């Protein structure tokens, strides 16, 4: 029973789902990575007979530009210590659940009025249908909104409180490979069995009580309702909730009395929904503030800060500004999430966790050695925090040699979901820093690098609501300021003919016709930027192919799908063994979504 147009309610009780085992093809001589990394590595498994796109460069042709000396990268500790939560098995019942979820994805544009709050009253009806009023009221919530860093802040806060001995629930978005990534219990993705059970409970009740007057909730609203059901039934001590979009009309804002609220860095994003000025955007984010509930924020642009402060004053809320965390307070331990910007998020998370402990009467749980350092549990939580797709480094196990124990990987992906100008700048700094570092950390071992050439390649996509004229120049300028230049840019679409990775569904027998007009537009923006052709000779930059009036140059290419781009990268790396290919994947992590 598929759910392209909505599935009928499933009878209860549910049978125990059958499971299969997903094997990860990792060379025996290479230490098995932390299992959360396995989710992303599944993307890097061999592809099924995918022919190169005609716009793809020839792997045997050397990439243009000067050769940069290889300076190995710093593998993030963001994945260290993560325990196995169960890779999606792709059972038939789980496939059915995914189909039902897909039926909730509307085809409306993001700026539709339904996203601006005129249907907000429906959330209260959904909560009533699911009998979640009291369970939500009983949750001890940490609620975080913001433009940049809210997911990282939530991850840090959850890890701190878990390290203090509490049972935690964490709800974040988006997911990379599996929707279950959005729901963590005690630091682990919810199991497939539990997810299926809670899903059908919510789905059946809503199907029974919804119709023309009260339609089924849209995708994110359903997931938020599901999170409330999961966290209440699992009896978590604390629920850490990341706002999906905005704040005032976000599905998570049905929480009327959180323990503490936080607002991370604000900037220009989702302007088609939240407004065209920082003041308007801040007003929407401030919608999570509640009377009598302590709130924290970080240093903001003056226009945004004045709106936050005014709203806090109107509600009688004490809104305190938190400074970035002083690294010395970590006793030489690194943050689990990498990048200088994460110290800002960590500082906010510390304030939120500390206030939650104080308000719940649990300050006796923490142990402070020195007045100038954080409590031991806070340091442990900050250093062990893990969040996929944030400054994450993934060596490709299908290209790197089996006997490679010196960190001399042939193909390395640097993943981040940055999608605003400010985030692009921050992540460009991180990429420049780690690729210009003279040591590499693999697991817990630090190894000196070997002399080797390296090539920097950009793998990029953004949604059509983003402005590439604001994103790409910010990226290139920041990289150039740090002595880094991309020698090739690869553009891929949002949807892929292999987009249901990890499922039982087979790829289509015939290649789908994919609209690449947006990717070709991105390519034209790239080619017109002053830094994109840096170091290229006239020969290297000549036009090599033409398709419907769009051109592909040797400094950029358009692929029909992300897997096809990865296939080309693998072939190129294998045919250029003396070179390390360092691939910066910006925003393309969203392509892994179901």
Protein backbone atom coordinates (compact mmCIF):
# COMPACT_ATOMS: atom_id res chain seq x y z
CA UNK A 1 0.00 0.00 0.00
CA UNK A 2 1.72 3.11 -1.22
CA UNK A 3 0.76 6.61 -0.29
CA UNK A 4 1.24 8.78 -3.32
CA UNK A 5 -2.19 10.24 -2.73
CA UNK A 6 -2.42 9.42 0.96
CA UNK A 7 -2.59 5.98 2.52
CA UNK A 8 -5.50 4.61 4.49
CA UNK A 9 -5.08 4.09 8.23
CA UNK A 10 -3.06 1.05 9.20
CA UNK A 11 -4.67 -1.39 11.65
CA UNK A 12 -3.21 -1.90 15.08
CA UNK A 13 -1.41 -3.67 16.65
CA UNK A 14 1.48 -3.45 14.27
CA UNK A 15 3.66 -6.45 13.48
CA UNK A 16 7.30 -6.26 14.36
CA UNK A 17 9.05 -4.90 11.29
CA UNK A 18 11.39 -7.23 9.52
CA UNK A 19 14.95 -6.08 9.26
CA UNK A 20 17.76 -6.58 6.85
CA UNK A 21 21.40 -5.73 7.27
CA UNK A 22 23.16 -3.01 5.34
CA UNK A 23 26.82 -3.83 4.72
CA UNK A 24 29.31 -0.98 4.52
CA UNK A 25 32.12 -1.59 2.06
CA UNK A 26 35.09 -0.39 4.07
CA UNK A 27 38.56 -1.85 3.49
CA UNK A 28 39.51 -4.27 6.23
CA UNK A 29 42.74 -2.44 6.90
CA UNK A 30 40.93 0.80 7.62
CA UNK A 31 39.43 1.29 11.06
CA UNK A 32 35.63 1.32 10.97
CA UNK A 33 34.40 4.89 11.34
CA UNK A 34 31.91 5.97 13.99
CA UNK A 35 28.56 4.60 12.78
CA UNK A 36 26.90 8.00 12.23
CA UNK A 37 29.49 8.55 9.53
CA UNK A 38 28.14 5.43 7.88
CA UNK A 39 25.00 7.34 6.87
CA UNK A 40 27.03 9.68 4.69
CA UNK A 41 29.35 6.97 3.50
CA UNK A 42 26.41 5.10 2.05
CA UNK A 43 26.22 7.90 -0.47
CA UNK A 44 29.80 7.15 -1.42
CA UNK A 45 29.25 3.47 -2.18
CA UNK A 46 29.70 2.34 -5.81
CA UNK A 47 26.98 3.54 -8.15
CA UNK A 48 24.85 1.27 -10.31
CA UNK A 49 25.85 1.60 -13.96
CA UNK A 50 25.48 5.34 -14.21
CA UNK A 51 26.79 6.81 -17.44
CA UNK A 52 28.57 10.16 -17.27
CA UNK A 53 26.58 13.20 -18.25
CA UNK A 54 27.69 14.67 -21.59
CA UNK A 55 28.66 17.89 -19.83
CA UNK A 56 31.00 16.04 -17.48
CA UNK A 57 34.73 16.67 -17.90
CA UNK A 58 36.96 13.87 -19.10
CA UNK A 59 38.52 12.15 -16.06
CA UNK A 60 41.72 11.48 -17.97
CA UNK A 61 42.21 15.17 -18.68
CA UNK A 62 44.23 16.96 -16.00
CA UNK A 63 42.40 19.66 -14.12
CA UNK A 64 43.45 23.18 -15.01
CA UNK A 65 45.43 25.51 -12.82
CA UNK A 66 48.55 25.40 -10.72
CA UNK A 67 49.33 22.50 -8.42
CA UNK A 68 49.04 23.28 -4.73
CA UNK A 69 51.16 21.40 -2.19
CA UNK A 70 49.19 18.89 -0.15
CA UNK A 71 48.57 20.08 3.38
CA UNK A 72 46.36 17.48 5.06
CA UNK A 73 43.07 18.22 6.70
CA UNK A 74 41.88 17.97 10.25
CA UNK A 75 39.31 15.21 10.58
CA UNK A 76 36.50 16.49 12.78
CA UNK A 77 35.78 15.07 16.18
CA UNK A 78 32.17 15.83 15.37
CA UNK A 79 31.77 12.16 14.52
CA UNK A 80 33.87 10.76 17.34
CA UNK A 81 32.11 8.92 20.11
CA UNK A 82 28.82 8.64 18.25
CA UNK A 83 27.22 5.29 18.96
CA UNK A 84 25.33 3.11 16.54
CA UNK A 85 21.70 4.12 16.21
CA UNK A 86 20.86 1.69 13.44
CA UNK A 87 21.29 2.33 9.74
CA UNK A 88 17.98 2.41 7.92
CA UNK A 89 17.23 -1.15 6.94
CA UNK A 90 14.74 -0.24 4.28
CA UNK A 91 12.08 -2.72 5.43
CA UNK A 92 8.89 -2.85 3.39
CA UNK A 93 6.93 -1.25 6.22
CA UNK A 94 9.46 1.53 6.58
CA UNK A 95 9.15 2.16 2.84
CA UNK A 96 5.42 2.52 3.34
CA UNK A 97 5.99 5.04 6.12
CA UNK A 98 8.29 7.07 3.87
CA UNK A 99 5.62 7.04 1.19
CA UNK A 100 3.03 8.37 3.61
CA UNK A 101 5.39 11.13 4.72
CA UNK A 102 6.11 12.05 1.11
CA UNK A 103 2.38 12.53 0.53
CA UNK A 104 2.45 15.38 3.06
CA UNK A 105 4.97 17.40 1.08
CA UNK A 106 2.96 20.12 -0.61
CA UNK A 107 3.78 21.57 -4.00
CA UNK A 108 3.09 25.12 -2.79
CA UNK A 109 5.86 27.66 -3.05
CA UNK A 110 7.58 28.45 0.19
CA UNK A 111 6.15 31.99 0.24
CA UNK A 112 2.56 30.70 0.13
CA UNK A 113 0.33 32.45 2.67
CA UNK A 114 -0.15 29.14 4.45
CA UNK A 115 3.46 29.45 5.59
CA UNK A 116 2.85 32.91 7.01
CA UNK A 117 0.59 31.95 9.85
CA UNK A 118 -2.98 32.24 8.56
CA UNK A 119 -3.37 28.49 9.19
CA UNK A 120 -1.58 28.56 12.52
CA UNK A 121 -4.77 27.68 14.37
CA UNK A 122 -4.64 24.24 12.76
CA UNK A 123 -1.68 23.29 14.93
CA UNK A 124 -3.84 23.56 18.04
CA UNK A 125 -6.41 21.27 16.40
CA UNK A 126 -3.75 18.71 15.53
CA UNK A 127 -2.45 18.77 19.09
CA UNK A 128 -6.00 18.24 20.33
CA UNK A 129 -6.63 15.35 17.92
CA UNK A 130 -3.46 13.62 19.14
CA UNK A 131 -4.30 14.38 22.78
CA UNK A 132 -0.92 16.04 23.23
CA UNK A 133 -1.94 19.16 25.18
CA UNK A 134 -0.93 17.82 28.57
CA UNK A 135 2.09 15.81 27.37
CA UNK A 136 3.52 18.92 25.68
CA UNK A 137 2.87 20.98 28.82
CA UNK A 138 4.81 18.42 30.86
CA UNK A 139 7.91 18.50 28.64
CA UNK A 140 10.90 20.43 30.00
CA UNK A 141 11.84 22.24 26.81
CA UNK A 142 14.88 24.14 25.58
CA UNK A 143 13.62 26.08 22.54
CA UNK A 144 16.04 27.64 20.03
CA UNK A 145 15.41 29.83 16.98
CA UNK A 146 17.84 31.71 14.74
CA UNK A 147 19.18 32.03 11.22
CA UNK A 148 22.60 30.47 11.70
CA UNK A 149 23.77 28.03 14.33
CA UNK A 150 20.48 27.02 15.91
CA UNK A 151 20.98 23.34 15.06
CA UNK A 152 24.53 23.38 16.39
CA UNK A 153 23.40 25.20 19.54
CA UNK A 154 20.71 22.58 20.15
CA UNK A 155 23.21 19.78 19.58
CA UNK A 156 25.68 21.27 22.06
CA UNK A 157 22.95 21.86 24.68
CA UNK A 158 21.59 18.32 24.34
CA UNK A 159 25.06 16.81 24.62
CA UNK A 160 25.82 18.84 27.75
CA UNK A 161 22.60 17.82 29.51
CA UNK A 162 23.07 14.19 28.47
CA UNK A 163 26.57 14.31 29.95
CA UNK A 164 24.97 15.51 33.17
CA UNK A 165 23.05 12.23 33.33
CA UNK A 166 19.65 13.24 31.92
CA UNK A 167 17.53 11.39 29.39
CA UNK A 168 17.41 13.69 26.39
CA UNK A 169 15.28 14.21 23.31
CA UNK A 170 16.61 16.29 20.40
CA UNK A 171 14.53 17.47 17.44
CA UNK A 172 16.44 19.11 14.58
CA UNK A 173 16.11 19.64 10.84
CA UNK A 174 16.75 18.90 8.08
CA UNK A 175 17.97 15.33 7.80
CA UNK A 176 20.68 14.10 5.46
CA UNK A 177 19.96 10.45 4.69
CA UNK A 178 17.15 9.28 6.91
CA UNK A 179 14.22 11.15 8.44
CA UNK A 180 14.94 9.43 11.76
CA UNK A 181 18.00 11.63 12.12
CA UNK A 182 15.65 14.42 13.17
CA UNK A 183 14.67 12.53 16.35
CA UNK A 184 17.41 11.66 18.81
CA UNK A 185 16.93 9.87 22.10
CA UNK A 186 19.93 9.98 24.41
CA UNK A 187 22.10 11.07 21.50
CA UNK A 188 21.01 8.31 19.11
CA UNK A 189 18.69 8.43 16.14
CA UNK A 190 15.37 6.84 17.06
CA UNK A 191 15.26 3.18 16.08
CA UNK A 192 13.32 2.17 12.99
CA UNK A 193 11.01 0.00 15.07
CA UNK A 194 10.06 2.83 17.43
CA UNK A 195 9.75 5.33 14.61
CA UNK A 196 7.32 3.09 12.74
CA UNK A 197 5.24 2.48 15.85
CA UNK A 198 4.92 6.17 16.77
CA UNK A 199 4.38 7.16 13.15
CA UNK A 200 1.34 4.92 12.70
CA UNK A 201 -0.13 6.02 16.00
CA UNK A 202 -0.07 9.67 14.89
CA UNK A 203 -0.96 8.94 11.26
CA UNK A 204 -4.03 6.84 12.06
CA UNK A 205 -5.45 9.35 14.54
CA UNK A 206 -4.97 12.26 12.17
CA UNK A 207 -6.37 10.35 9.20
CA UNK A 208 -9.49 9.53 11.21
CA UNK A 209 -10.15 13.13 12.29
CA UNK A 210 -9.01 15.22 9.31
CA UNK A 211 -10.82 16.04 6.09
CA UNK A 212 -11.84 19.01 3.97
CA UNK A 213 -12.16 21.45 6.89
CA UNK A 214 -9.05 20.24 8.71
CA UNK A 215 -6.55 18.80 6.22
CA UNK A 216 -3.69 16.53 7.15
CA UNK A 217 -0.76 18.55 8.51
CA UNK A 218 2.02 19.44 6.13
CA UNK A 219 5.32 17.57 6.29
CA UNK A 220 7.21 19.56 8.93
CA UNK A 221 4.16 20.06 11.13
CA UNK A 222 3.57 16.31 11.17
CA UNK A 223 7.20 15.67 12.11
CA UNK A 224 7.00 18.22 14.95
CA UNK A 225 3.83 16.58 16.27
CA UNK A 226 5.56 13.21 15.99
CA UNK A 227 8.50 14.57 18.00
CA UNK A 228 6.18 15.65 20.81
CA UNK A 229 4.59 12.21 20.88
CA UNK A 230 7.96 10.44 20.89
CA UNK A 231 9.52 12.61 23.60
CA UNK A 232 6.48 12.45 25.88
CA UNK A 233 6.02 8.70 25.60
CA UNK A 234 9.76 8.07 25.96
CA UNK A 235 9.67 10.19 29.13
CA UNK A 236 12.71 12.30 28.35
CA UNK A 237 13.95 14.59 31.11
CA UNK A 238 14.61 17.40 28.63
CA UNK A 239 13.42 18.07 25.08
CA UNK A 240 15.69 20.30 23.00
CA UNK A 241 13.75 21.73 20.05
CA UNK A 242 15.18 23.50 17.03
CA UNK A 243 12.76 25.82 15.27
CA UNK A 244 12.22 24.79 11.67
CA UNK A 245 11.59 28.20 10.10
CA UNK A 246 11.05 31.59 11.70
CA UNK A 247 9.59 31.15 15.15
CA UNK A 248 6.24 32.85 15.61
CA UNK A 249 4.34 30.42 13.38
CA UNK A 250 6.71 27.47 13.56
CA UNK A 251 5.21 24.12 14.48
CA UNK A 252 7.47 23.83 17.52
CA UNK A 253 5.97 27.03 18.95
CA UNK A 254 2.96 25.19 20.35
CA UNK A 255 5.14 24.89 23.46
CA UNK A 256 3.67 27.55 25.75
CA UNK A 257 6.06 27.34 28.69
CA UNK A 258 9.59 26.24 27.80
CA UNK A 259 12.19 26.24 30.55
CA UNK A 260 14.50 28.52 28.56
CA UNK A 261 14.67 30.04 25.07
CA UNK A 262 17.60 30.93 22.84
CA UNK A 263 18.04 32.91 19.63
CA UNK A 264 21.22 32.24 17.68
CA UNK A 265 22.84 34.53 15.10
CA UNK A 266 20.39 36.32 12.80
CA UNK A 267 20.85 37.14 9.14
CA UNK A 268 19.08 37.25 5.80
CA UNK A 269 17.39 33.96 4.98
CA UNK A 270 13.90 32.76 4.02
CA UNK A 271 13.14 36.38 3.17
CA UNK A 272 10.20 35.37 1.00
CA UNK A 273 8.49 34.27 4.22
CA UNK A 274 10.07 36.15 7.11
CA UNK A 275 10.55 39.61 5.59
CA UNK A 276 13.12 41.63 3.71
CA UNK A 277 14.78 43.41 6.63
CA UNK A 278 16.69 42.17 9.66
CA UNK A 279 14.09 43.85 11.83
CA UNK A 280 11.26 41.88 10.26
CA UNK A 281 13.23 38.65 10.48
CA UNK A 282 14.10 39.29 14.12
CA UNK A 283 10.44 39.94 14.88
CA UNK A 284 9.54 36.48 13.58
CA UNK A 285 12.35 34.82 15.51
CA UNK A 286 11.33 36.65 18.68
CA UNK A 287 7.97 34.91 18.40
CA UNK A 288 9.32 32.05 20.52
CA UNK A 289 9.89 34.34 23.53
CA UNK A 290 7.39 33.70 26.32
CA UNK A 291 6.37 35.81 29.28
CA UNK A 292 8.33 34.89 32.37
CA UNK A 293 10.75 32.59 30.53
CA UNK A 294 14.46 33.43 30.59
CA UNK A 295 15.98 33.92 27.16
CA UNK A 296 19.46 34.29 25.70
CA UNK A 297 20.87 35.53 22.44
CA UNK A 298 24.27 36.24 20.94
CA UNK A 299 25.64 39.57 19.66
CA UNK A 300 23.40 40.64 16.78
CA UNK A 301 23.34 43.43 14.19
CA UNK A 302 21.88 46.57 15.77
CA UNK A 303 18.67 46.44 13.72
CA UNK A 304 17.96 42.89 14.82
CA UNK A 305 19.01 43.38 18.44
CA UNK A 306 16.75 46.38 18.93
CA UNK A 307 13.72 44.34 17.80
CA UNK A 308 14.64 41.42 20.07
CA UNK A 309 15.11 43.70 23.06
CA UNK A 310 11.87 45.56 22.43
CA UNK A 311 9.89 42.33 22.22
CA UNK A 312 11.56 41.00 25.36
CA UNK A 313 10.66 44.23 27.20
CA UNK A 314 7.03 43.94 26.08
CA UNK A 315 6.87 40.42 27.51
CA UNK A 316 8.81 41.23 30.66
CA UNK A 317 11.49 38.78 29.60
CA UNK A 318 15.09 39.02 30.73
CA UNK A 319 16.96 38.67 27.42
CA UNK A 320 20.65 38.27 28.09
CA UNK A 321 23.42 38.53 25.49
CA UNK A 322 25.97 35.71 25.61
CA UNK A 323 29.52 36.11 24.31
CA UNK A 324 31.41 33.40 22.42
CA UNK A 325 32.84 30.67 24.62
CA UNK A 326 36.42 31.21 25.72
CA UNK A 327 38.40 28.18 24.43
CA UNK A 328 40.48 28.21 27.62
CA UNK A 329 37.40 27.13 29.57
CA UNK A 330 37.55 23.78 27.76
CA UNK A 331 40.84 22.65 29.35
CA UNK A 332 42.49 22.05 25.96
CA UNK A 333 39.56 19.97 24.69
CA UNK A 334 38.25 20.79 21.19
CA UNK A 335 34.62 21.41 20.38
CA UNK A 336 32.89 18.44 18.81
CA UNK A 337 31.62 20.71 16.00
CA UNK A 338 34.39 22.50 14.16
CA UNK A 339 34.88 26.05 13.00
CA UNK A 340 35.52 29.32 14.81
CA UNK A 341 31.83 30.20 14.59
CA UNK A 342 30.99 27.22 16.78
CA UNK A 343 32.38 28.99 19.85
CA UNK A 344 29.48 31.42 19.52
CA UNK A 345 27.00 28.55 19.40
CA UNK A 346 28.76 26.77 22.26
CA UNK A 347 28.55 29.89 24.43
CA UNK A 348 24.81 30.09 23.86
CA UNK A 349 24.40 26.37 24.55
CA UNK A 350 26.28 26.67 27.85
CA UNK A 351 23.94 29.45 28.99
CA UNK A 352 20.85 27.47 27.98
CA UNK A 353 22.02 24.25 29.65
CA UNK A 354 23.08 26.05 32.82
CA UNK A 355 19.74 27.82 33.10
CA UNK A 356 17.84 24.58 32.49
CA UNK A 357 19.80 22.91 35.29
CA UNK A 358 19.18 25.85 37.61
CA UNK A 359 15.45 26.08 36.88
CA UNK A 360 15.02 22.33 37.37
CA UNK A 361 17.01 22.34 40.61
CA UNK A 362 19.86 20.21 39.32
CA UNK A 363 22.91 22.43 39.73
CA UNK A 364 24.19 19.89 42.23
CA UNK A 365 24.77 17.52 39.31
CA UNK A 366 27.69 19.48 37.93
CA UNK A 367 31.28 19.47 39.16
CA UNK A 368 33.58 22.44 38.73
CA UNK A 369 37.31 21.97 39.23
CA UNK A 370 38.37 25.57 38.78
CA UNK A 371 36.52 28.84 38.61
CA UNK A 372 38.07 29.64 35.24
CA UNK A 373 36.91 26.41 33.52
CA UNK A 374 33.58 24.83 32.73
CA UNK A 375 32.15 21.93 34.73
CA UNK A 376 33.49 18.54 33.70
CA UNK A 377 30.13 17.47 32.23
CA UNK A 378 29.93 20.62 30.13
CA UNK A 379 33.40 20.04 28.69
CA UNK A 380 32.55 16.42 27.97
CA UNK A 381 29.28 17.37 26.29
CA UNK A 382 30.79 20.12 24.14
CA UNK A 383 33.70 17.96 23.00
CA UNK A 384 31.52 14.96 22.12
CA UNK A 385 28.73 16.80 20.31
CA UNK A 386 28.00 15.38 16.86
CA UNK A 387 25.89 16.76 14.02
CA UNK A 388 26.12 15.51 10.46
CA UNK A 389 26.74 17.93 7.65
CA UNK A 390 28.26 20.66 9.81
CA UNK A 391 31.95 21.09 9.01
CA UNK A 392 32.19 17.33 8.46
CA UNK A 393 35.09 15.63 6.70
CA UNK A 394 34.48 12.33 4.92
CA UNK A 395 37.31 10.49 3.13
CA UNK A 396 35.85 8.39 0.31
CA UNK A 397 36.38 4.73 1.26
CA UNK A 398 35.89 3.61 -2.34
CA UNK A 399 38.89 5.54 -3.67
CA UNK A 400 41.33 5.67 -0.79
CA UNK A 401 43.78 2.76 -0.82
CA UNK A 402 43.35 -0.11 1.60
CA UNK A 403 46.84 0.31 3.01
CA UNK A 404 46.39 4.03 3.57
CA UNK A 405 47.23 4.61 7.21
CA UNK A 406 49.08 7.92 6.84
CA UNK A 407 46.01 10.05 6.25
CA UNK A 408 47.02 10.44 2.61
CA UNK A 409 43.48 10.06 1.26
CA UNK A 410 42.99 10.45 -2.47
CA UNK A 411 39.45 11.87 -2.34
CA UNK A 412 38.10 13.76 0.65
CA UNK A 413 34.71 15.46 0.97
CA UNK A 414 34.26 18.53 3.19
CA UNK A 415 30.55 18.78 3.90
CA UNK A 416 28.53 21.71 5.13
CA UNK A 417 24.99 22.90 4.57
CA UNK A 418 25.76 26.63 4.53
CA UNK A 419 23.12 28.51 2.56
CA UNK A 420 23.35 32.16 3.59
CA UNK A 421 26.11 34.65 2.73
CA UNK A 422 27.30 34.80 6.33
CA UNK A 423 27.36 31.02 6.68
CA UNK A 424 29.19 30.68 3.36
CA UNK A 425 31.89 32.99 4.67
CA UNK A 426 32.23 31.08 7.95
CA UNK A 427 32.47 27.73 6.21
CA UNK A 428 34.92 29.05 3.63
CA UNK A 429 37.19 30.05 6.51
CA UNK A 430 36.86 26.58 8.01
CA UNK A 431 37.62 24.89 4.69
CA UNK A 432 40.67 27.09 4.15
CA UNK A 433 41.87 26.41 7.69
CA UNK A 434 41.60 22.64 7.62
CA UNK A 435 43.02 22.24 4.11
CA UNK A 436 45.96 24.47 4.98
CA UNK A 437 46.69 22.68 8.23
CA UNK A 438 49.98 20.79 8.26
CA UNK A 439 48.66 17.76 10.17
CA UNK A 440 45.75 15.38 9.80
CA UNK A 441 43.86 13.65 12.56
CA UNK A 442 42.37 10.24 11.77
CA UNK A 443 40.41 8.84 14.68
CA UNK A 444 42.58 9.54 17.69
CA UNK A 445 45.91 9.39 15.83
CA UNK A 446 47.79 12.44 14.62
CA UNK A 447 49.97 11.71 11.64
CA UNK A 448 52.36 13.91 9.70
CA UNK A 449 51.42 14.51 6.10
CA UNK A 450 53.31 13.30 3.09
CA UNK A 451 54.28 15.48 0.16
CA UNK A 452 51.42 15.43 -2.28
CA UNK A 453 49.66 17.72 -4.67
CA UNK A 454 46.12 18.77 -3.89
CA UNK A 455 43.28 20.16 -5.96
CA UNK A 456 40.34 22.08 -4.56
CA UNK A 457 36.96 21.34 -6.16
CA UNK A 458 33.62 22.94 -5.36
CA UNK A 459 30.47 20.77 -5.37
CA UNK A 460 27.55 23.15 -5.18
CA UNK A 461 23.82 23.53 -5.28
CA UNK A 462 21.33 25.96 -3.79
CA UNK A 463 17.57 26.31 -3.94
CA UNK A 464 16.03 28.67 -6.46
CA UNK A 465 14.93 30.99 -3.65
CA UNK A 466 18.60 31.68 -2.89
CA UNK A 467 20.55 34.36 -4.71
CA UNK A 468 23.79 32.90 -6.13
CA UNK A 469 24.99 36.45 -6.80
CA UNK A 470 25.19 36.86 -3.01
CA UNK A 471 26.43 33.36 -2.16
CA UNK A 472 29.17 32.56 -4.67
CA UNK A 473 31.05 35.89 -4.54
CA UNK A 474 31.12 35.70 -0.72
CA UNK A 475 32.52 32.19 -0.96
CA UNK A 476 35.21 33.03 -3.50
CA UNK A 477 36.28 36.27 -1.82
CA UNK A 478 36.69 34.57 1.55
CA UNK A 479 38.63 31.68 0.03
CA UNK A 480 40.87 34.07 -1.92
CA UNK A 481 41.61 36.06 1.24
CA UNK A 482 42.83 32.82 2.78
CA UNK A 483 44.98 31.85 -0.20
CA UNK A 484 42.63 29.20 -1.53
CA UNK A 485 41.29 28.88 -5.07
CA UNK A 486 38.96 26.30 -6.58
CA UNK A 487 40.13 24.71 -9.79
CA UNK A 488 36.82 23.14 -10.72
CA UNK A 489 33.17 23.76 -9.81
CA UNK A 490 30.55 21.03 -10.19
CA UNK A 491 26.85 21.94 -10.11
CA UNK A 492 24.17 19.35 -9.37
CA UNK A 493 20.36 19.48 -9.01
CA UNK A 494 18.29 19.06 -5.86
CA UNK A 495 16.60 15.91 -7.08
CA UNK A 496 18.50 12.84 -8.13
CA UNK A 497 17.37 9.73 -9.97
CA UNK A 498 18.98 7.90 -7.01
CA UNK A 499 17.45 10.11 -4.34
CA UNK A 500 16.03 7.29 -2.20
CA UNK A 501 19.39 6.10 -0.96
CA UNK A 502 19.28 3.28 1.56
CA UNK A 503 15.80 2.15 0.56
CA UNK A 504 14.61 -1.02 -1.12
CA UNK A 505 13.49 0.93 -4.16
CA UNK A 506 15.51 0.24 -7.29
CA UNK A 507 16.76 3.09 -9.47
CA UNK A 508 14.67 3.72 -12.56
CA UNK A 509 15.53 1.63 -15.60
CA UNK A 510 15.56 4.72 -17.78
CA UNK A 511 17.15 8.02 -16.88
CA UNK A 512 14.63 10.66 -15.87
CA UNK A 513 14.53 13.94 -17.71
CA UNK A 514 15.86 16.44 -15.19
CA UNK A 515 15.53 20.19 -15.57
CA UNK A 516 19.06 21.58 -15.31
CA UNK A 517 18.20 25.18 -16.14
CA UNK A 518 18.90 26.37 -12.59
CA UNK A 519 22.23 24.55 -12.43
CA UNK A 520 23.22 26.05 -15.78
CA UNK A 521 22.34 29.47 -14.36
CA UNK A 522 24.57 28.81 -11.36
CA UNK A 523 27.33 27.81 -13.73
CA UNK A 524 27.01 31.08 -15.67
CA UNK A 525 27.24 33.06 -12.42
CA UNK A 526 30.37 31.13 -11.51
CA UNK A 527 32.05 31.66 -14.87
CA UNK A 528 31.41 35.41 -14.70
CA UNK A 529 33.04 35.82 -11.30
CA UNK A 530 36.52 37.39 -11.36
CA UNK A 531 38.15 34.71 -9.18
CA UNK A 532 36.57 31.61 -10.73
CA UNK A 533 39.13 31.41 -13.54
CA UNK A 534 42.15 32.34 -11.48
CA UNK A 535 45.23 30.48 -12.65
CA UNK A 536 43.61 29.20 -15.85
CA UNK A 537 45.23 29.68 -19.19
CA UNK A 538 43.19 30.68 -22.19
CA UNK A 539 43.39 27.11 -23.43
CA UNK A 540 42.07 25.69 -20.19
CA UNK A 541 39.20 28.15 -20.01
CA UNK A 542 37.96 27.73 -23.55
CA UNK A 543 34.42 26.56 -24.13
CA UNK A 544 34.36 22.81 -24.61
CA UNK A 545 30.68 21.91 -24.87
CA UNK A 546 27.38 23.61 -25.53
CA UNK A 547 23.89 22.49 -24.57
CA UNK A 548 20.77 24.51 -25.43
CA UNK A 549 22.74 27.72 -25.47
CA UNK A 550 24.41 27.05 -22.10
CA UNK A 551 28.13 26.45 -21.96
CA UNK A 552 30.34 24.14 -19.96
CA UNK A 553 33.87 25.33 -19.39
CA UNK A 554 36.82 23.43 -18.09
CA UNK A 555 36.52 25.28 -14.79
CA UNK A 556 32.93 24.13 -14.23
CA UNK A 557 30.50 21.37 -15.16
CA UNK A 558 26.85 20.49 -14.67
CA UNK A 559 25.79 16.95 -13.73
CA UNK A 560 22.35 15.38 -13.84
CA UNK A 561 22.67 14.08 -10.28
CA UNK A 562 24.89 14.08 -7.23
CA UNK A 563 25.85 10.38 -7.67
CA UNK A 564 27.04 11.10 -11.22
CA UNK A 565 29.22 13.93 -9.94
CA UNK A 566 30.70 11.65 -7.29
CA UNK A 567 31.33 8.97 -9.91
CA UNK A 568 33.30 11.45 -12.00
CA UNK A 569 35.29 12.55 -8.95
CA UNK A 570 36.16 8.94 -8.17
CA UNK A 571 37.29 8.22 -11.69
CA UNK A 572 39.35 11.39 -11.75
CA UNK A 573 41.00 10.59 -8.41
CA UNK A 574 41.84 7.06 -9.49
CA UNK A 575 43.51 8.32 -12.66
CA UNK A 576 45.50 10.99 -10.80
CA UNK A 577 46.96 9.00 -7.91
CA UNK A 578 49.64 11.60 -7.15
CA UNK A 579 47.00 14.22 -6.36
CA UNK A 580 44.62 14.56 -3.45
CA UNK A 581 41.20 15.91 -4.44
CA UNK A 582 39.66 18.04 -1.70
CA UNK A 583 35.97 18.52 -2.48
CA UNK A 584 34.05 21.26 -0.70
CA UNK A 585 30.37 20.38 -0.81
CA UNK A 586 28.33 23.52 -0.10
CA UNK A 587 24.59 23.13 0.48
CA UNK A 588 24.66 19.89 -1.52
CA UNK A 589 24.18 17.96 1.70
CA UNK A 590 20.51 18.78 1.27
CA UNK A 591 20.52 16.64 -1.87
CA UNK A 592 20.64 13.52 0.25
CA UNK A 593 17.16 14.21 1.59
CA UNK A 594 14.42 11.74 0.65
